[in-house]
Amino acid sequence: MYKNYIKRISDFFISLIFMPFLLLVILCVGIIIKLEDKGPIFYNAERLGKNGATYRMFKFRTMKVNAPDLRNEDGSTFSAENDSRLLKSGSFFRKTSIDELPQIINVFLGSMSIVGPRPDLPEHINQYTEEEKEKLSVLPGVTGYNQAYFRNSIDWSERKKNDVFYSRNVSILFDVKIILKTIQTVIFRKNVFTTKEDVKNEF
């Protein structure tokens, strides 16, 4: 009942309640980004959603315009504190997860949930095993098991295993624990960036 119905209803009302706050954040962050490099405020990228459908995910832009695409060895997104592609404000937005807040719009529209697996790029579905595809049985989340407990400290294969575990064990108690842990992780800024040793330049 919770997984199939109550979760979506609660997502809708939570996102609706937070929408006025989000509009204020968009105004403030938008001014900061525009003052820094005059580029677009949002980074809208195609992501893999529930049942393999694709959607556009909203995020605040944290990188310079036309920044090259860098990936880790496993194909996941590279993230480092000293990344030269980052805007000066971008590093702060990532550490505090402010850049993720526009995904509340995705939650409101029904393409994401407050809690769920972290969405991958559409082409990543070709690298999933049959078991890993189980993560697509639920909506991707603004936060989730990986984001709350590990962020960027574990590799992609381990994150996919955790996503499958979450999809098989969705419950209101699990979601509440993840949300509380997310708050703790963001406050103490744990595991925000990966190391640079395993990066692979793909541009």
C-alpha atoms as a PDB file:
ATOM      1  CA  MET A   1       0.000   0.000   0.000  1.00  0.00           C
ATOM      2  CA  TYR A   2       2.701   2.489   0.975  1.00  0.00           C
ATOM      3  CA  LYS A   3       4.995   1.688  -1.970  1.00  0.00           C
ATOM      4  CA  ASN A   4       2.280   1.855  -4.631  1.00  0.00           C
ATOM      5  CA  TYR A   5      -0.046   4.581  -3.363  1.00  0.00           C
ATOM      6  CA  ILE A   6       0.720   6.407  -0.107  1.00  0.00           C
ATOM      7  CA  LYS A   7       4.315   7.221  -1.081  1.00  0.00           C
ATOM      8  CA  ARG A   8       3.234   9.095  -4.223  1.00  0.00           C
ATOM      9  CA  ILE A   9       0.463  10.968  -2.401  1.00  0.00           C
ATOM     10  CA  SER A  10       2.859  12.070   0.350  1.00  0.00           C
ATOM     11  CA  ASP A  11       5.460  13.089  -2.269  1.00  0.00           C
ATOM     12  CA  PHE A  12       2.929  15.316  -3.995  1.00  0.00           C
ATOM     13  CA  PHE A  13       1.844  17.146  -0.852  1.00  0.00           C
ATOM     14  CA  ILE A  14       5.382  17.508   0.508  1.00  0.00           C
ATOM     15  CA  SER A  15       6.590  18.990  -2.786  1.00  0.00           C
ATOM     16  CA  LEU A  16       3.564  21.297  -2.892  1.00  0.00           C
ATOM     17  CA  ILE A  17       4.311  22.576   0.610  1.00  0.00           C
ATOM     18  CA  PHE A  18       7.968  23.217  -0.253  1.00  0.00           C
ATOM     19  CA  MET A  19       7.252  24.948  -3.588  1.00  0.00           C
ATOM     20  CA  PRO A  20       7.101  28.542  -2.188  1.00  0.00           C
ATOM     21  CA  PHE A  21      10.429  27.965  -0.389  1.00  0.00           C
ATOM     22  CA  LEU A  22      11.914  26.548  -3.606  1.00  0.00           C
ATOM     23  CA  LEU A  23      10.865  29.629  -5.581  1.00  0.00           C
ATOM     24  CA  LEU A  24      12.717  31.825  -3.079  1.00  0.00           C
ATOM     25  CA  VAL A  25      15.816  29.611  -3.336  1.00  0.00           C
ATOM     26  CA  ILE A  26      15.659  29.731  -7.149  1.00  0.00           C
ATOM     27  CA  LEU A  27      15.593  33.529  -7.023  1.00  0.00           C
ATOM     28  CA  CYS A  28      18.596  33.766  -4.674  1.00  0.00           C
ATOM     29  CA  VAL A  29      20.699  31.042  -6.297  1.00  0.00           C
ATOM     30  CA  GLY A  30      19.782  32.270  -9.773  1.00  0.00           C
ATOM     31  CA  ILE A  31      21.155  35.728  -8.990  1.00  0.00           C
ATOM     32  CA  ILE A  32      24.417  34.224  -7.677  1.00  0.00           C
ATOM     33  CA  ILE A  33      24.917  32.049 -10.773  1.00  0.00           C
ATOM     34  CA  LYS A  34      24.074  34.898 -13.160  1.00  0.00           C
ATOM     35  CA  LEU A  35      26.479  37.269 -11.404  1.00  0.00           C
ATOM     36  CA  GLU A  36      29.266  34.686 -11.627  1.00  0.00           C
ATOM     37  CA  ASP A  37      29.160  33.730 -15.304  1.00  0.00           C
ATOM     38  CA  LYS A  38      25.826  34.863 -16.823  1.00  0.00           C
ATOM     39  CA  GLY A  39      25.040  31.317 -17.979  1.00  0.00           C
ATOM     40  CA  PRO A  40      21.800  29.365 -17.456  1.00  0.00           C
ATOM     41  CA  ILE A  41      20.581  28.790 -13.899  1.00  0.00           C
ATOM     42  CA  PHE A  42      19.510  25.198 -14.361  1.00  0.00           C
ATOM     43  CA  TYR A  43      21.222  22.055 -15.569  1.00  0.00           C
ATOM     44  CA  ASN A  44      18.517  19.917 -17.176  1.00  0.00           C
ATOM     45  CA  ALA A  45      19.755  16.462 -18.071  1.00  0.00           C
ATOM     46  CA  GLU A  46      18.037  13.325 -19.326  1.00  0.00           C
ATOM     47  CA  ARG A  47      17.866  10.669 -16.628  1.00  0.00           C
ATOM     48  CA  LEU A  48      16.617   7.110 -16.353  1.00  0.00           C
ATOM     49  CA  GLY A  49      13.368   6.866 -14.423  1.00  0.00           C
ATOM     50  CA  LYS A  50      10.837   4.311 -13.285  1.00  0.00           C
ATOM     51  CA  ASN A  51      10.376   1.326 -15.615  1.00  0.00           C
ATOM     52  CA  GLY A  52      13.140   2.612 -17.872  1.00  0.00           C
ATOM     53  CA  ALA A  53      11.318   5.786 -18.943  1.00  0.00           C
ATOM     54  CA  THR A  54      13.474   8.896 -19.370  1.00  0.00           C
ATOM     55  CA  TYR A  55      12.778  12.365 -17.999  1.00  0.00           C
ATOM     56  CA  ARG A  56      14.495  15.734 -17.576  1.00  0.00           C
ATOM     57  CA  MET A  57      15.939  16.238 -14.106  1.00  0.00           C
ATOM     58  CA  PHE A  58      16.197  19.768 -12.704  1.00  0.00           C
ATOM     59  CA  LYS A  59      19.353  20.861 -10.882  1.00  0.00           C
ATOM     60  CA  PHE A  60      21.101  24.160 -10.291  1.00  0.00           C
ATOM     61  CA  ARG A  61      24.087  24.471 -12.601  1.00  0.00           C
ATOM     62  CA  THR A  62      27.336  24.076 -10.653  1.00  0.00           C
ATOM     63  CA  MET A  63      29.785  23.896 -13.569  1.00  0.00           C
ATOM     64  CA  LYS A  64      31.045  26.359 -16.108  1.00  0.00           C
ATOM     65  CA  VAL A  65      29.263  26.531 -19.455  1.00  0.00           C
ATOM     66  CA  ASN A  66      30.456  23.822 -21.884  1.00  0.00           C
ATOM     67  CA  ALA A  67      32.524  22.071 -19.193  1.00  0.00           C
ATOM     68  CA  PRO A  68      34.008  18.758 -20.446  1.00  0.00           C
ATOM     69  CA  ASP A  69      32.424  15.489 -19.368  1.00  0.00           C
ATOM     70  CA  LEU A  70      34.608  13.582 -16.876  1.00  0.00           C
ATOM     71  CA  ARG A  71      33.719  10.104 -15.651  1.00  0.00           C
ATOM     72  CA  ASN A  72      35.056   7.594 -13.164  1.00  0.00           C
ATOM     73  CA  GLU A  73      36.394   4.264 -14.424  1.00  0.00           C
ATOM     74  CA  ASP A  74      33.005   2.619 -13.859  1.00  0.00           C
ATOM     75  CA  GLY A  75      31.222   5.248 -15.977  1.00  0.00           C
ATOM     76  CA  SER A  76      29.673   7.141 -13.077  1.00  0.00           C
ATOM     77  CA  THR A  77      29.899  10.913 -12.728  1.00  0.00           C
ATOM     78  CA  PHE A  78      33.211  12.261 -11.453  1.00  0.00           C
ATOM     79  CA  SER A  79      33.055  14.712  -8.551  1.00  0.00           C
ATOM     80  CA  ALA A  80      36.009  16.345  -6.784  1.00  0.00           C
ATOM     81  CA  GLU A  81      36.417  19.342  -4.499  1.00  0.00           C
ATOM     82  CA  ASN A  82      39.224  20.829  -6.609  1.00  0.00           C
ATOM     83  CA  ASP A  83      37.446  20.216  -9.936  1.00  0.00           C
ATOM     84  CA  SER A  84      38.411  23.115 -12.208  1.00  0.00           C
ATOM     85  CA  ARG A  85      35.087  22.798 -14.036  1.00  0.00           C
ATOM     86  CA  LEU A  86      33.153  23.987 -10.979  1.00  0.00           C
ATOM     87  CA  LEU A  87      31.907  27.513 -10.535  1.00  0.00           C
ATOM     88  CA  LYS A  88      33.105  29.144  -7.314  1.00  0.00           C
ATOM     89  CA  SER A  89      29.550  28.937  -6.037  1.00  0.00           C
ATOM     90  CA  GLY A  90      29.158  25.429  -7.460  1.00  0.00           C
ATOM     91  CA  SER A  91      31.420  23.780  -4.902  1.00  0.00           C
ATOM     92  CA  PHE A  92      29.368  25.262  -2.051  1.00  0.00           C
ATOM     93  CA  PHE A  93      26.076  24.290  -3.674  1.00  0.00           C
ATOM     94  CA  ARG A  94      27.284  20.687  -3.993  1.00  0.00           C
ATOM     95  CA  LYS A  95      28.633  20.437  -0.451  1.00  0.00           C
ATOM     96  CA  THR A  96      25.333  21.664   0.942  1.00  0.00           C
ATOM     97  CA  SER A  97      23.216  19.791  -1.667  1.00  0.00           C
ATOM     98  CA  ILE A  98      21.522  23.075  -2.612  1.00  0.00           C
ATOM     99  CA  ASP A  99      22.043  22.129  -6.260  1.00  0.00           C
ATOM    100  CA  GLU A 100      19.628  19.200  -5.775  1.00  0.00           C
ATOM    101  CA  LEU A 101      16.681  21.284  -4.516  1.00  0.00           C
ATOM    102  CA  PRO A 102      15.085  21.961  -7.944  1.00  0.00           C
ATOM    103  CA  GLN A 103      14.341  18.228  -8.119  1.00  0.00           C
ATOM    104  CA  ILE A 104      11.366  19.064  -5.907  1.00  0.00           C
ATOM    105  CA  ILE A 105       9.810  20.149  -9.223  1.00  0.00           C
ATOM    106  CA  ASN A 106      10.363  16.613 -10.540  1.00  0.00           C
ATOM    107  CA  VAL A 107       8.725  15.217  -7.393  1.00  0.00           C
ATOM    108  CA  PHE A 108       5.722  17.494  -7.900  1.00  0.00           C
ATOM    109  CA  LEU A 109       5.440  16.387 -11.553  1.00  0.00           C
ATOM    110  CA  GLY A 110       5.671  12.713 -10.603  1.00  0.00           C
ATOM    111  CA  SER A 111       8.948  11.798 -12.319  1.00  0.00           C
ATOM    112  CA  MET A 112      10.819  11.522  -9.005  1.00  0.00           C
ATOM    113  CA  SER A 113      10.172  10.746  -5.342  1.00  0.00           C
ATOM    114  CA  ILE A 114      11.568  12.382  -2.213  1.00  0.00           C
ATOM    115  CA  VAL A 115      13.317   9.068  -1.430  1.00  0.00           C
ATOM    116  CA  GLY A 116      14.477   6.568  -4.038  1.00  0.00           C
ATOM    117  CA  PRO A 117      17.463   5.311  -6.047  1.00  0.00           C
ATOM    118  CA  ARG A 118      19.768   7.895  -7.556  1.00  0.00           C
ATOM    119  CA  PRO A 119      18.893   8.199 -11.266  1.00  0.00           C
ATOM    120  CA  ASP A 120      21.500   7.163 -13.823  1.00  0.00           C
ATOM    121  CA  LEU A 121      22.046   8.310 -17.394  1.00  0.00           C
ATOM    122  CA  PRO A 122      19.659   6.704 -19.939  1.00  0.00           C
ATOM    123  CA  GLU A 123      22.489   4.787 -21.643  1.00  0.00           C
ATOM    124  CA  HIS A 124      23.467   3.145 -18.355  1.00  0.00           C
ATOM    125  CA  ILE A 125      20.537   0.756 -18.651  1.00  0.00           C
ATOM    126  CA  ASN A 126      22.636  -1.171 -21.190  1.00  0.00           C
ATOM    127  CA  GLN A 127      25.138  -1.903 -18.405  1.00  0.00           C
ATOM    128  CA  TYR A 128      22.582  -3.145 -15.873  1.00  0.00           C
ATOM    129  CA  THR A 129      22.286  -6.820 -15.026  1.00  0.00           C
ATOM    130  CA  GLU A 130      18.761  -8.232 -14.792  1.00  0.00           C
ATOM    131  CA  GLU A 131      18.945  -7.939 -11.016  1.00  0.00           C
ATOM    132  CA  GLU A 132      20.130  -4.309 -11.175  1.00  0.00           C
ATOM    133  CA  LYS A 133      17.137  -3.405 -13.346  1.00  0.00           C
ATOM    134  CA  GLU A 134      14.997  -3.945 -10.253  1.00  0.00           C
ATOM    135  CA  LYS A 135      16.013  -0.464  -9.096  1.00  0.00           C
ATOM    136  CA  LEU A 136      13.793   0.831 -11.915  1.00  0.00           C
ATOM    137  CA  SER A 137      10.691  -0.617 -10.234  1.00  0.00           C
ATOM    138  CA  VAL A 138      10.452   2.544  -8.104  1.00  0.00           C
ATOM    139  CA  LEU A 139      10.759   6.241  -8.825  1.00  0.00           C
ATOM    140  CA  PRO A 140      14.265   7.712  -8.525  1.00  0.00           C
ATOM    141  CA  GLY A 141      14.739   9.949  -5.513  1.00  0.00           C
ATOM    142  CA  VAL A 142      16.045  13.380  -4.546  1.00  0.00           C
ATOM    143  CA  THR A 143      17.735  11.495  -1.742  1.00  0.00           C
ATOM    144  CA  GLY A 144      18.056   7.795  -1.061  1.00  0.00           C
ATOM    145  CA  TYR A 145      19.887   4.999   0.682  1.00  0.00           C
ATOM    146  CA  ASN A 146      23.155   5.714  -1.147  1.00  0.00           C
ATOM    147  CA  GLN A 147      22.931   9.486  -0.902  1.00  0.00           C
ATOM    148  CA  ALA A 148      22.192   9.393   2.816  1.00  0.00           C
ATOM    149  CA  TYR A 149      24.745   6.825   3.931  1.00  0.00           C
ATOM    150  CA  PHE A 150      27.503   6.846   1.306  1.00  0.00           C
ATOM    151  CA  ARG A 151      27.153   9.748  -1.186  1.00  0.00           C
ATOM    152  CA  ASN A 152      30.263   9.435  -3.392  1.00  0.00           C
ATOM    153  CA  SER A 153      32.361   7.181  -1.144  1.00  0.00           C
ATOM    154  CA  ILE A 154      31.487   3.860  -2.836  1.00  0.00           C
ATOM    155  CA  ASP A 155      31.711   2.733  -6.455  1.00  0.00           C
ATOM    156  CA  TRP A 156      28.824   2.517  -8.899  1.00  0.00           C
ATOM    157  CA  SER A 157      28.416  -1.262  -8.699  1.00  0.00           C
ATOM    158  CA  GLU A 158      27.948  -1.043  -4.938  1.00  0.00           C
ATOM    159  CA  ARG A 159      25.484   1.816  -5.324  1.00  0.00           C
ATOM    160  CA  LYS A 160      23.412  -0.260  -7.754  1.00  0.00           C
ATOM    161  CA  LYS A 161      23.291  -3.132  -5.256  1.00  0.00           C
ATOM    162  CA  ASN A 162      22.070  -0.700  -2.593  1.00  0.00           C
ATOM    163  CA  ASP A 163      19.421   0.649  -4.978  1.00  0.00           C
ATOM    164  CA  VAL A 164      18.105  -2.873  -5.566  1.00  0.00           C
ATOM    165  CA  PHE A 165      18.050  -3.451  -1.801  1.00  0.00           C
ATOM    166  CA  TYR A 166      16.000  -0.274  -1.362  1.00  0.00           C
ATOM    167  CA  SER A 167      13.547  -1.169  -4.134  1.00  0.00           C
ATOM    168  CA  ARG A 168      12.914  -4.527  -2.450  1.00  0.00           C
ATOM    169  CA  ASN A 169      12.454  -3.020   1.020  1.00  0.00           C
ATOM    170  CA  VAL A 170      10.517   0.208   0.526  1.00  0.00           C
ATOM    171  CA  SER A 171       8.652   1.205   3.674  1.00  0.00           C
ATOM    172  CA  ILE A 172       7.673   4.371   5.483  1.00  0.00           C
ATOM    173  CA  LEU A 173      10.125   3.587   8.301  1.00  0.00           C
ATOM    174  CA  PHE A 174      12.992   3.055   5.840  1.00  0.00           C
ATOM    175  CA  ASP A 175      12.174   6.347   4.097  1.00  0.00           C
ATOM    176  CA  VAL A 176      12.053   8.265   7.392  1.00  0.00           C
ATOM    177  CA  LYS A 177      15.434   6.819   8.415  1.00  0.00           C
ATOM    178  CA  ILE A 178      16.918   7.846   5.047  1.00  0.00           C
ATOM    179  CA  ILE A 179      15.570  11.392   5.328  1.00  0.00           C
ATOM    180  CA  LEU A 180      16.947  11.819   8.862  1.00  0.00           C
ATOM    181  CA  LYS A 181      20.319  10.390   7.820  1.00  0.00           C
ATOM    182  CA  THR A 182      20.383  12.689   4.773  1.00  0.00           C
ATOM    183  CA  ILE A 183      19.988  15.731   7.015  1.00  0.00           C
ATOM    184  CA  GLN A 184      22.884  14.525   9.172  1.00  0.00           C
ATOM    185  CA  THR A 185      25.072  13.787   6.135  1.00  0.00           C
ATOM    186  CA  VAL A 186      24.425  17.204   4.564  1.00  0.00           C
ATOM    187  CA  ILE A 187      25.076  19.074   7.826  1.00  0.00           C
ATOM    188  CA  PHE A 188      28.431  17.346   8.350  1.00  0.00           C
ATOM    189  CA  ARG A 189      29.196  17.284   4.590  1.00  0.00           C
ATOM    190  CA  LYS A 190      30.321  13.659   4.527  1.00  0.00           C
ATOM    191  CA  ASN A 191      31.529  11.844   1.372  1.00  0.00           C
ATOM    192  CA  VAL A 192      30.633  14.710  -0.967  1.00  0.00           C
ATOM    193  CA  PHE A 193      33.460  14.178  -3.455  1.00  0.00           C
ATOM    194  CA  THR A 194      35.170  11.177  -5.012  1.00  0.00           C
ATOM    195  CA  THR A 195      38.934  10.893  -5.290  1.00  0.00           C
ATOM    196  CA  LYS A 196      40.684  11.718  -8.520  1.00  0.00           C
ATOM    197  CA  GLU A 197      42.724   8.522  -8.906  1.00  0.00           C
ATOM    198  CA  ASP A 198      40.032   6.594 -10.749  1.00  0.00           C
ATOM    199  CA  VAL A 199      38.769   9.342 -13.056  1.00  0.00           C
ATOM    200  CA  LYS A 200      38.571   8.805 -16.774  1.00  0.00           C
ATOM    201  CA  ASN A 201      38.315  11.652 -19.273  1.00  0.00           C
ATOM    202  CA  GLU A 202      35.594  10.872 -21.807  1.00  0.00           C
ATOM    203  CA  PHE A 203      35.468  14.037 -23.883  1.00  0.00           C
END
